[in-house]
Amino acid sequence: MLFKLLTYIVVFSVVFYGIRKIITDWRNKFIHDDAQKHQRDLKERDQDNVINLKPDDDGVFRPNDENKKDD
């Protein structure tokens, strides 16, 4: 009876730690992928052909006109 209980405990602990390791690895992969995507987006934002949009007074996003003088 004791041997059967120890076997169940060992199998359960191996399965539990295996699932925990898989979840941790996936979480770290998603964090790494998000960091790479963020770096790529920052690099693309610095290109000359990117238009920056700014919310206007009426809530519509319009290109940020740097030549426009504020009244």
N, C-alpha and C. Protein backbone atom coordinates (compact mmCIF):
# COMPACT_ATOMS: atom_id res chain seq x y z
N MET A 1 0.82 -1.19 0.00
CA MET A 1 0.00 0.00 0.00
C MET A 1 0.86 1.26 0.00
N LEU A 2 1.91 1.27 0.80
CA LEU A 2 2.82 2.43 0.87
C LEU A 2 3.54 2.62 -0.46
N PHE A 3 3.94 1.49 -1.09
CA PHE A 3 4.62 1.56 -2.37
C PHE A 3 3.70 2.16 -3.44
N LYS A 4 2.44 1.78 -3.42
CA LYS A 4 1.46 2.30 -4.38
C LYS A 4 1.27 3.81 -4.18
N LEU A 5 1.21 4.25 -2.94
CA LEU A 5 1.05 5.67 -2.64
C LEU A 5 2.27 6.46 -3.09
N LEU A 6 3.46 5.94 -2.83
CA LEU A 6 4.69 6.62 -3.26
C LEU A 6 4.77 6.69 -4.78
N THR A 7 4.32 5.65 -5.46
CA THR A 7 4.31 5.65 -6.93
C THR A 7 3.39 6.74 -7.46
N TYR A 8 2.21 6.85 -6.88
CA TYR A 8 1.28 7.91 -7.30
C TYR A 8 1.87 9.29 -7.04
N ILE A 9 2.49 9.47 -5.92
CA ILE A 9 3.10 10.77 -5.59
C ILE A 9 4.20 11.11 -6.57
N VAL A 10 5.05 10.15 -6.91
CA VAL A 10 6.15 10.39 -7.85
C VAL A 10 5.61 10.71 -9.24
N VAL A 11 4.65 9.95 -9.71
CA VAL A 11 4.08 10.18 -11.05
C VAL A 11 3.39 11.54 -11.09
N PHE A 12 2.61 11.86 -10.07
CA PHE A 12 1.93 13.15 -10.04
C PHE A 12 2.94 14.30 -10.02
N SER A 13 4.00 14.18 -9.25
CA SER A 13 4.98 15.26 -9.17
C SER A 13 5.73 15.44 -10.48
N VAL A 14 6.06 14.33 -11.16
CA VAL A 14 6.74 14.43 -12.46
C VAL A 14 5.83 15.11 -13.48
N VAL A 15 4.57 14.73 -13.51
CA VAL A 15 3.62 15.35 -14.44
C VAL A 15 3.43 16.82 -14.10
N PHE A 16 3.29 17.14 -12.83
CA PHE A 16 3.09 18.52 -12.41
C PHE A 16 4.27 19.40 -12.79
N TYR A 17 5.49 18.97 -12.49
CA TYR A 17 6.67 19.77 -12.83
C TYR A 17 6.90 19.83 -14.34
N GLY A 18 6.52 18.79 -15.07
CA GLY A 18 6.64 18.82 -16.52
C GLY A 18 5.70 19.85 -17.14
N ILE A 19 4.46 19.87 -16.67
CA ILE A 19 3.50 20.84 -17.17
C ILE A 19 3.93 22.26 -16.79
N ARG A 20 4.42 22.42 -15.58
CA ARG A 20 4.90 23.74 -15.15
C ARG A 20 6.07 24.21 -16.00
N LYS A 21 6.98 23.31 -16.37
CA LYS A 21 8.12 23.66 -17.22
C LYS A 21 7.65 24.06 -18.62
N ILE A 22 6.69 23.34 -19.17
CA ILE A 22 6.16 23.67 -20.49
C ILE A 22 5.52 25.05 -20.47
N ILE A 23 4.71 25.35 -19.46
CA ILE A 23 4.06 26.65 -19.36
C ILE A 23 5.08 27.76 -19.22
N THR A 24 6.12 27.54 -18.42
CA THR A 24 7.17 28.55 -18.24
C THR A 24 7.91 28.80 -19.55
N ASP A 25 8.24 27.73 -20.27
CA ASP A 25 8.94 27.89 -21.55
C ASP A 25 8.08 28.65 -22.55
N TRP A 26 6.80 28.36 -22.63
CA TRP A 26 5.92 29.07 -23.55
C TRP A 26 5.81 30.53 -23.16
N ARG A 27 5.67 30.82 -21.88
CA ARG A 27 5.55 32.20 -21.42
C ARG A 27 6.82 32.99 -21.80
N ASN A 28 7.99 32.38 -21.57
CA ASN A 28 9.24 33.05 -21.92
C ASN A 28 9.36 33.26 -23.42
N LYS A 29 8.88 32.30 -24.23
CA LYS A 29 8.93 32.47 -25.67
C LYS A 29 8.04 33.62 -26.11
N PHE A 30 6.83 33.72 -25.54
CA PHE A 30 5.94 34.81 -25.91
C PHE A 30 6.52 36.15 -25.48
N ILE A 31 7.13 36.22 -24.33
CA ILE A 31 7.77 37.47 -23.87
C ILE A 31 8.89 37.85 -24.82
N HIS A 32 9.70 36.86 -25.23
CA HIS A 32 10.81 37.13 -26.16
C HIS A 32 10.28 37.59 -27.51
N ASP A 33 9.23 36.94 -28.02
CA ASP A 33 8.65 37.34 -29.31
C ASP A 33 8.07 38.75 -29.24
N ASP A 34 7.42 39.10 -28.14
CA ASP A 34 6.87 40.45 -27.98
C ASP A 34 7.98 41.49 -27.94
N ALA A 35 9.10 41.18 -27.30
CA ALA A 35 10.22 42.12 -27.24
C ALA A 35 10.81 42.32 -28.64
N GLN A 36 10.93 41.25 -29.41
CA GLN A 36 11.44 41.37 -30.78
C GLN A 36 10.49 42.20 -31.63
N LYS A 37 9.18 41.97 -31.48
CA LYS A 37 8.20 42.73 -32.25
C LYS A 37 8.25 44.21 -31.88
N HIS A 38 8.43 44.50 -30.60
CA HIS A 38 8.51 45.88 -30.15
C HIS A 38 9.75 46.56 -30.74
N GLN A 39 10.88 45.88 -30.74
CA GLN A 39 12.10 46.45 -31.33
C GLN A 39 11.93 46.68 -32.83
N ARG A 40 11.28 45.74 -33.52
CA ARG A 40 11.04 45.90 -34.96
C ARG A 40 10.14 47.09 -35.22
N ASP A 41 9.09 47.26 -34.40
CA ASP A 41 8.18 48.38 -34.57
C ASP A 41 8.89 49.71 -34.33
N LEU A 42 9.76 49.76 -33.33
CA LEU A 42 10.51 50.98 -33.07
C LEU A 42 11.44 51.32 -34.24
N LYS A 43 12.05 50.30 -34.84
CA LYS A 43 12.94 50.53 -35.97
C LYS A 43 12.15 51.01 -37.18
N GLU A 44 10.97 50.43 -37.42
CA GLU A 44 10.14 50.84 -38.55
C GLU A 44 9.59 52.25 -38.35
N ARG A 45 9.35 52.64 -37.13
CA ARG A 45 8.81 53.98 -36.85
C ARG A 45 9.80 55.08 -37.23
N ASP A 46 11.09 54.77 -37.18
CA ASP A 46 12.11 55.77 -37.49
C ASP A 46 12.31 55.98 -38.98
N GLN A 47 11.67 55.18 -39.83
CA GLN A 47 11.83 55.34 -41.27
C GLN A 47 11.16 56.62 -41.75
N ASP A 48 11.63 57.13 -42.88
CA ASP A 48 11.11 58.40 -43.41
C ASP A 48 9.71 58.28 -44.00
N ASN A 49 9.32 57.11 -44.47
CA ASN A 49 8.03 56.98 -45.13
C ASN A 49 6.88 56.68 -44.17
N VAL A 50 7.10 56.81 -42.88
CA VAL A 50 6.06 56.56 -41.88
C VAL A 50 5.38 57.87 -41.52
N ILE A 51 4.05 57.86 -41.55
CA ILE A 51 3.27 59.06 -41.22
C ILE A 51 2.79 58.93 -39.79
N ASN A 52 3.09 59.92 -38.97
CA ASN A 52 2.62 59.93 -37.59
C ASN A 52 1.26 60.61 -37.53
N LEU A 53 0.30 59.93 -36.92
CA LEU A 53 -1.05 60.47 -36.78
C LEU A 53 -1.23 61.02 -35.38
N LYS A 54 -1.96 62.12 -35.30
CA LYS A 54 -2.20 62.78 -34.03
C LYS A 54 -3.69 63.04 -33.90
N PRO A 55 -4.30 62.79 -32.74
CA PRO A 55 -5.73 63.06 -32.60
C PRO A 55 -6.00 64.56 -32.64
N ASP A 56 -6.95 64.94 -33.48
CA ASP A 56 -7.32 66.35 -33.62
C ASP A 56 -8.36 66.70 -32.56
N ASP A 57 -8.81 67.93 -32.55
CA ASP A 57 -9.79 68.38 -31.54
C ASP A 57 -11.11 67.63 -31.62
N ASP A 58 -11.47 67.17 -32.84
CA ASP A 58 -12.74 66.46 -33.00
C ASP A 58 -12.59 64.95 -32.79
N GLY A 59 -11.40 64.47 -32.44
CA GLY A 59 -11.19 63.06 -32.14
C GLY A 59 -10.75 62.24 -33.34
N VAL A 60 -10.63 62.86 -34.51
CA VAL A 60 -10.20 62.14 -35.70
C VAL A 60 -8.68 62.20 -35.78
N PHE A 61 -8.07 61.08 -36.09
CA PHE A 61 -6.61 61.05 -36.22
C PHE A 61 -6.22 61.58 -37.59
N ARG A 62 -5.34 62.56 -37.59
CA ARG A 62 -4.86 63.18 -38.83
C ARG A 62 -3.34 63.24 -38.79
N PRO A 63 -2.71 63.33 -39.99
CA PRO A 63 -1.25 63.42 -40.02
C PRO A 63 -0.78 64.64 -39.23
N ASN A 64 0.31 64.46 -38.52
CA ASN A 64 0.89 65.53 -37.73
C ASN A 64 1.62 66.47 -38.67
N ASP A 65 1.06 67.66 -38.90
CA ASP A 65 1.65 68.64 -39.81
C ASP A 65 2.62 69.51 -39.02
N GLU A 66 3.91 69.30 -39.25
CA GLU A 66 4.92 70.05 -38.48
C GLU A 66 5.07 71.47 -38.99
N ASN A 67 4.60 71.74 -40.23
CA ASN A 67 4.70 73.10 -40.78
C ASN A 67 3.57 73.98 -40.31
N LYS A 68 2.51 73.38 -39.77
CA LYS A 68 1.35 74.13 -39.33
C LYS A 68 1.67 74.88 -38.05
N LYS A 69 1.32 76.16 -38.02
CA LYS A 69 1.58 76.98 -36.83
C LYS A 69 0.35 76.94 -35.94
N ASP A 70 0.56 76.76 -34.64
CA ASP A 70 -0.55 76.79 -33.70
C ASP A 70 -0.94 78.22 -33.40
N ASP A 71 -2.24 78.48 -33.30
CA ASP A 71 -2.73 79.84 -33.03
C ASP A 71 -2.70 80.13 -31.55
